[in-house]
């Protein structure tokens, strides 16, 4: 069983998304992919507005205990990192999370940036790493 987890869009516009759907996704045995639509970005409160979302995501990832891939972006530049691997990092301190070494974030290249690129993602639940990817120029 594989799953994709996204914050519920039922939160008010500019409000903090606190529900995740489908909740059954965390019961999957092989793959967990998290997609964060840019439209769900909370407004006005800066990074503090994300605290509940990030803490819930951290808890779900630790509970899942296998590699988790978070994909986000809109007008960003391509980047990969493990934003919650170290709770004493700036990101960990801002959001007050536990260590989440199994979460990898990919920020996809925005369509207005050059060179134009798309992300080729391979998911192999039999592989220890599960996810592999590359940026492809078009």
Protein backbone atom coordinates (compact mmCIF):
# COMPACT_ATOMS: atom_id res chain seq x y z
CA UNK A 1 0.00 0.00 0.00
CA UNK A 2 1.31 3.45 -0.88
CA UNK A 3 0.05 6.86 0.14
CA UNK A 4 0.14 10.56 -0.49
CA UNK A 5 -0.55 12.86 2.43
CA UNK A 6 -1.64 16.47 1.96
CA UNK A 7 -2.83 19.13 4.40
CA UNK A 8 -6.58 19.46 4.26
CA UNK A 9 -7.73 22.39 2.19
CA UNK A 10 -10.69 22.79 4.54
CA UNK A 11 -8.73 25.30 6.60
CA UNK A 12 -9.83 28.89 6.08
CA UNK A 13 -8.06 31.01 3.50
CA UNK A 14 -4.84 32.19 5.10
CA UNK A 15 -5.63 29.95 8.07
CA UNK A 16 -3.41 27.28 9.48
CA UNK A 17 -4.01 23.86 7.93
CA UNK A 18 -4.30 21.45 10.81
CA UNK A 19 -6.05 18.42 9.32
CA UNK A 20 -4.24 15.87 7.17
CA UNK A 21 -5.98 13.70 4.64
CA UNK A 22 -6.30 10.86 4.12
CA UNK A 23 -5.48 9.91 7.70
CA UNK A 24 -5.25 6.25 6.70
CA UNK A 25 -2.10 7.11 4.74
CA UNK A 26 0.05 6.89 7.87
CA UNK A 27 -0.90 3.21 8.11
CA UNK A 28 0.86 2.44 4.83
CA UNK A 29 3.72 -0.02 5.03
CA UNK A 30 5.93 1.16 2.19
CA UNK A 31 5.76 4.76 0.93
CA UNK A 32 4.74 8.11 2.35
CA UNK A 33 4.87 11.13 0.08
CA UNK A 34 3.79 14.53 1.42
CA UNK A 35 2.68 17.32 -0.92
CA UNK A 36 2.34 20.88 0.39
CA UNK A 37 0.39 23.11 -2.00
CA UNK A 38 1.72 26.66 -2.02
CA UNK A 39 -1.86 27.91 -1.74
CA UNK A 40 -1.96 26.63 1.84
CA UNK A 41 0.79 28.98 2.99
CA UNK A 42 -0.50 30.79 6.07
CA UNK A 43 -0.44 34.55 5.86
CA UNK A 44 0.62 37.28 8.21
CA UNK A 45 2.22 35.41 11.09
CA UNK A 46 5.48 34.41 9.42
CA UNK A 47 7.04 31.07 10.35
CA UNK A 48 5.09 30.78 13.62
CA UNK A 49 1.93 30.18 11.57
CA UNK A 50 3.45 26.89 10.38
CA UNK A 51 4.31 25.55 13.84
CA UNK A 52 1.31 23.24 14.27
CA UNK A 53 1.60 21.96 10.71
CA UNK A 54 5.32 21.24 11.06
CA UNK A 55 4.95 19.61 14.49
CA UNK A 56 2.17 17.33 13.21
CA UNK A 57 4.23 16.44 10.15
CA UNK A 58 7.24 15.66 12.38
CA UNK A 59 5.14 13.39 14.61
CA UNK A 60 3.68 11.54 11.61
CA UNK A 61 7.12 11.04 10.08
CA UNK A 62 8.65 9.69 13.29
CA UNK A 63 5.67 7.36 13.74
CA UNK A 64 6.00 6.14 10.13
CA UNK A 65 9.75 5.46 10.65
CA UNK A 66 10.53 4.92 6.96
CA UNK A 67 11.75 7.51 4.46
CA UNK A 68 9.27 10.32 3.89
CA UNK A 69 9.48 12.75 0.98
CA UNK A 70 8.02 16.25 1.25
CA UNK A 71 7.58 18.13 -2.03
CA UNK A 72 6.82 21.83 -2.06
CA UNK A 73 7.38 24.93 -4.13
CA UNK A 74 5.83 27.52 -6.36
CA UNK A 75 8.29 30.20 -7.52
CA UNK A 76 11.25 28.72 -5.65
CA UNK A 77 14.62 27.42 -6.84
CA UNK A 78 15.32 23.69 -6.75
CA UNK A 79 16.73 22.51 -3.43
CA UNK A 80 16.87 19.33 -1.36
CA UNK A 81 17.48 19.11 2.38
CA UNK A 82 16.49 17.40 5.61
CA UNK A 83 14.97 20.39 7.41
CA UNK A 84 14.04 18.62 10.66
CA UNK A 85 16.91 16.16 11.04
CA UNK A 86 18.55 18.26 13.77
CA UNK A 87 16.23 19.72 16.44
CA UNK A 88 18.93 22.25 17.38
CA UNK A 89 19.02 23.66 13.82
CA UNK A 90 17.30 26.94 13.04
CA UNK A 91 14.31 25.12 11.52
CA UNK A 92 14.07 22.71 14.45
CA UNK A 93 14.25 25.55 16.98
CA UNK A 94 11.65 27.68 15.18
CA UNK A 95 9.12 24.87 15.10
CA UNK A 96 10.08 23.04 18.31
CA UNK A 97 10.19 19.60 16.72
CA UNK A 98 11.91 16.41 17.65
CA UNK A 99 14.64 15.00 15.39
CA UNK A 100 13.13 13.74 12.12
CA UNK A 101 16.00 12.16 10.16
CA UNK A 102 13.68 10.23 7.81
CA UNK A 103 12.12 13.38 6.25
CA UNK A 104 13.63 14.76 3.04
CA UNK A 105 12.28 17.93 1.45
CA UNK A 106 12.47 18.72 -2.24
CA UNK A 107 11.60 22.25 -3.27
CA UNK A 108 10.76 22.12 -6.96
CA UNK A 109 11.94 24.72 -9.44
CA UNK A 110 9.39 27.44 -10.16
CA UNK A 111 8.16 27.86 -13.72
CA UNK A 112 9.42 31.44 -13.92
CA UNK A 113 13.02 30.49 -13.10
CA UNK A 114 15.70 29.55 -15.60
CA UNK A 115 16.72 27.06 -16.67
CA UNK A 116 13.26 25.52 -16.83
CA UNK A 117 13.35 22.19 -15.00
CA UNK A 118 11.02 19.42 -13.96
CA UNK A 119 11.51 16.79 -11.29
CA UNK A 120 11.77 13.12 -12.28
CA UNK A 121 10.81 11.09 -9.22
CA UNK A 122 11.25 7.33 -8.90
CA UNK A 123 9.58 5.42 -6.09
CA UNK A 124 10.78 1.90 -5.37
CA UNK A 125 9.36 0.52 -2.10
CA UNK A 126 11.80 -2.42 -2.28
CA UNK A 127 14.82 -0.10 -2.16
CA UNK A 128 16.15 0.98 1.27
CA UNK A 129 16.11 4.61 0.09
CA UNK A 130 12.68 4.24 -1.59
CA UNK A 131 12.91 7.62 -3.36
CA UNK A 132 15.32 8.80 -6.02
CA UNK A 133 15.05 11.90 -8.18
CA UNK A 134 16.75 14.18 -10.63
CA UNK A 135 16.07 17.62 -12.03
CA UNK A 136 15.60 17.55 -15.81
CA UNK A 137 16.07 20.65 -17.97
CA UNK A 138 13.43 21.15 -20.67
